[in-house]
Protein backbone atom coordinates (compact mmCIF):
# COMPACT_ATOMS: atom_id res chain seq x y z
CA MET A 1 3.13 56.89 -92.52
CA THR A 2 6.86 57.05 -91.84
CA ILE A 3 8.21 60.20 -90.20
CA LEU A 4 11.99 60.68 -89.98
CA CYS A 5 13.17 62.86 -87.08
CA LEU A 6 16.49 64.67 -87.50
CA GLY A 7 17.88 66.38 -84.47
CA ASP A 8 20.40 66.60 -81.68
CA SER A 9 20.27 65.26 -78.12
CA LEU A 10 16.76 66.67 -77.64
CA THR A 11 15.53 64.31 -80.36
CA TYR A 12 17.88 61.45 -79.50
CA GLY A 13 16.63 61.46 -75.94
CA TYR A 14 19.76 62.18 -73.92
CA GLY A 15 19.26 60.97 -70.36
CA VAL A 16 16.24 58.70 -70.85
CA PRO A 17 15.85 55.08 -72.05
CA ARG A 18 15.21 54.75 -75.83
CA ASP A 19 11.61 53.63 -75.28
CA GLU A 20 10.93 56.81 -73.24
CA ALA A 21 12.33 59.27 -75.81
CA TRP A 22 9.65 61.40 -77.44
CA CYS A 23 9.96 59.78 -80.89
CA SER A 24 9.17 56.36 -79.48
CA LEU A 25 6.30 57.69 -77.38
CA ALA A 26 4.86 59.70 -80.28
CA SER A 27 4.93 56.63 -82.50
CA GLY A 28 2.76 54.78 -80.01
CA LEU A 29 0.40 57.72 -79.53
CA CYS A 30 -0.26 58.53 -83.19
CA GLY A 31 0.15 55.11 -84.80
CA HIS A 32 2.78 56.26 -87.31
CA ASP A 33 6.33 55.02 -87.65
CA VAL A 34 8.26 57.87 -86.01
CA GLN A 35 11.96 57.12 -86.56
CA ASN A 36 14.53 58.71 -84.26
CA LEU A 37 17.59 59.92 -86.21
CA GLY A 38 18.74 62.26 -83.44
CA VAL A 39 22.45 62.39 -82.62
CA ASN A 40 23.82 63.72 -79.34
CA GLY A 41 25.87 66.85 -80.00
CA ALA A 42 24.81 67.21 -83.65
CA THR A 43 24.90 70.62 -85.27
CA THR A 44 22.44 71.60 -87.98
CA GLY A 45 25.33 71.38 -90.45
CA GLU A 46 25.81 67.73 -89.53
CA MET A 47 22.07 67.15 -89.82
CA ARG A 48 22.17 68.76 -93.26
CA GLU A 49 24.72 66.14 -94.37
CA MET A 50 22.65 63.17 -93.15
CA GLU A 51 21.06 60.89 -95.71
CA ILE A 52 17.30 61.11 -95.97
CA ASP A 53 15.37 57.98 -96.90
CA PRO A 54 13.18 59.07 -99.85
CA SER A 55 10.69 56.28 -99.11
CA ALA A 56 9.61 58.09 -95.94
CA ASP A 57 6.58 60.36 -95.95
CA ALA A 58 7.74 63.24 -93.77
CA LEU A 59 10.82 64.76 -92.17
CA PHE A 60 10.75 66.46 -88.79
CA VAL A 61 13.84 68.55 -87.98
CA MET A 62 14.78 70.40 -84.80
CA GLY A 63 18.17 71.71 -83.73
CA GLY A 64 20.36 74.78 -83.43
CA LEU A 65 21.49 74.97 -79.81
CA ASN A 66 24.75 73.12 -80.47
CA ASP A 67 25.53 75.55 -83.30
CA LEU A 68 25.08 78.47 -80.90
CA PHE A 69 27.15 76.83 -78.15
CA MET A 70 29.92 76.48 -80.74
CA GLY A 71 29.87 80.24 -81.36
CA MET A 72 27.90 80.31 -84.62
CA GLY A 73 25.27 82.98 -85.07
CA PRO A 74 21.55 82.19 -85.53
CA ALA A 75 21.83 82.62 -89.31
CA VAL A 76 23.82 79.37 -89.57
CA PRO A 77 21.18 77.02 -88.13
CA LEU A 78 18.43 78.96 -89.91
CA ASP A 79 20.14 78.44 -93.28
CA ASN A 80 20.82 74.77 -92.54
CA ILE A 81 17.27 74.01 -91.43
CA LEU A 82 15.87 75.75 -94.51
CA ALA A 83 18.22 73.71 -96.73
CA ILE A 84 17.14 70.49 -94.99
CA CYS A 85 13.48 71.37 -95.60
CA GLU A 86 14.11 72.21 -99.24
CA ARG A 87 15.95 68.92 -99.73
CA ALA A 88 13.08 67.05 -98.07
CA ARG A 89 10.55 68.71 -100.36
CA ALA A 90 12.68 67.90 -103.42
CA ALA A 91 12.73 64.25 -102.31
CA GLY A 92 8.93 64.25 -101.95
CA LEU A 93 8.89 64.35 -98.15
CA ARG A 94 6.76 66.71 -96.12
CA PRO A 95 9.05 68.88 -93.94
CA VAL A 96 8.00 69.87 -90.43
CA VAL A 97 10.19 72.01 -88.17
CA GLY A 98 10.31 71.90 -84.40
CA ILE A 99 10.59 75.35 -82.83
CA PRO A 100 12.70 74.44 -79.80
CA MET A 101 11.86 75.12 -76.20
CA GLN A 102 14.21 77.46 -74.35
CA ILE A 103 16.92 76.46 -71.92
CA SER A 104 16.44 77.12 -68.25
CA PRO A 105 17.58 80.45 -66.80
CA ASP A 106 19.53 78.37 -64.27
CA VAL A 107 22.00 77.01 -66.85
CA ASP A 108 25.40 78.63 -66.37
CA GLU A 109 28.94 78.43 -67.68
CA ALA A 110 29.81 75.60 -65.29
CA TRP A 111 27.68 73.29 -67.44
CA CYS A 112 29.73 73.95 -70.58
CA ASP A 113 33.12 72.73 -71.68
CA GLY A 114 35.37 75.70 -72.30
CA SER A 115 34.43 79.34 -72.11
CA VAL A 116 30.87 79.98 -73.22
CA ASP A 117 28.80 83.04 -72.42
CA VAL A 118 25.56 81.23 -71.59
CA ASP A 119 23.58 84.46 -71.29
CA HIS A 120 24.61 85.30 -74.86
CA VAL A 121 23.69 81.77 -76.04
CA ARG A 122 20.33 81.96 -74.23
CA ALA A 123 19.51 85.30 -75.93
CA ALA A 124 20.69 83.99 -79.31
CA TYR A 125 18.58 80.84 -78.87
CA ALA A 126 15.47 82.92 -78.15
CA ALA A 127 16.16 85.09 -81.23
CA PHE A 128 16.81 81.95 -83.29
CA ALA A 129 13.49 80.39 -82.23
CA ASP A 130 11.60 83.59 -83.11
CA ALA A 131 13.35 83.84 -86.49
CA LEU A 132 12.75 80.15 -87.20
CA ALA A 133 9.02 80.52 -86.53
CA ARG A 134 8.90 83.54 -88.90
CA LEU A 135 10.93 81.69 -91.56
CA CYS A 136 8.57 78.71 -91.45
CA ALA A 137 5.52 80.97 -91.77
CA GLU A 138 7.08 82.90 -94.68
CA ARG A 139 8.15 79.74 -96.55
CA GLY A 140 4.99 77.73 -95.90
CA ILE A 141 6.82 75.15 -93.82
CA GLU A 142 4.73 73.49 -91.14
CA SER A 143 6.06 73.77 -87.61
CA ILE A 144 5.40 72.72 -84.05
CA ASP A 145 6.24 75.40 -81.50
CA PHE A 146 7.40 73.74 -78.28
CA ARG A 147 8.08 77.03 -76.45
CA PRO A 148 4.62 77.32 -74.87
CA LEU A 149 4.53 73.58 -74.10
CA ILE A 150 7.91 72.83 -72.53
CA GLY A 151 9.12 74.81 -69.52
CA PRO A 152 11.51 74.31 -66.61
CA ALA A 153 9.34 71.55 -65.07
CA GLU A 154 9.86 69.46 -68.22
CA LEU A 155 13.63 69.91 -68.29
CA SER A 156 16.15 67.59 -66.70
CA PHE A 157 18.73 68.30 -64.04
CA ASP A 158 20.89 70.24 -66.50
CA GLY A 159 18.20 72.71 -67.61
CA ILE A 160 18.68 71.88 -71.29
CA HIS A 161 17.57 68.31 -71.94
CA LEU A 162 14.11 66.89 -71.44
CA ASN A 163 13.17 64.78 -68.45
CA ARG A 164 10.62 61.97 -68.74
CA ARG A 165 7.75 64.42 -68.31
CA GLY A 166 9.22 66.64 -71.05
CA HIS A 167 9.52 63.72 -73.46
CA ARG A 168 5.89 62.79 -72.74
CA ARG A 169 4.68 66.37 -73.39
CA MET A 170 6.71 66.61 -76.58
CA ALA A 171 5.41 63.23 -77.77
CA GLU A 172 1.83 64.31 -77.11
CA ALA A 173 2.32 67.51 -79.12
CA VAL A 174 3.90 65.64 -82.04
CA ALA A 175 1.21 62.95 -82.00
CA GLU A 176 -1.55 65.58 -81.88
CA PHE A 177 0.05 67.41 -84.83
CA TRP A 178 0.03 64.25 -86.94
CA LYS A 179 -3.52 63.36 -85.92
CA ARG A 180 -4.72 66.84 -87.02
CA ARG A 181 -2.60 66.93 -90.19
CA PRO A 182 -2.34 63.38 -91.56
């Protein structure tokens, strides 16, 4: 089985070697070809424009934080992720959505370029994750909720990206999902 993974830096594996990013680890754990199509800094709009290989079996998509950091409301990434899933289904791929873990409460404006109200983004990200989980349930789209699995101990120095432990936990969750739902 070939699983394409669309996403931002959380999928790409910002800060860790390629072979330690969760896609690579999950591939080894579940025995499927888990292809990393993550792009650092990608918005869900950019993910929506990416080509999807119709010969793949499934499409995993996770993103939205970059949209919110850019001042977009939660409706924008919700609409984009839904459109990506609909396009995947139309191409014969099984869509699966990652409900993203939350950023650390320690992240502040100093981390960001320009003026960003991180407390506002944090609240919007939590609302987005809740709405995304509801949307998936309502539309019959399978999802993996990383919120109960990934906490501050799995986040890197910046409180946003995964550390090696976080990539391992995410890979284990993805591999377990595909073992239970081949």
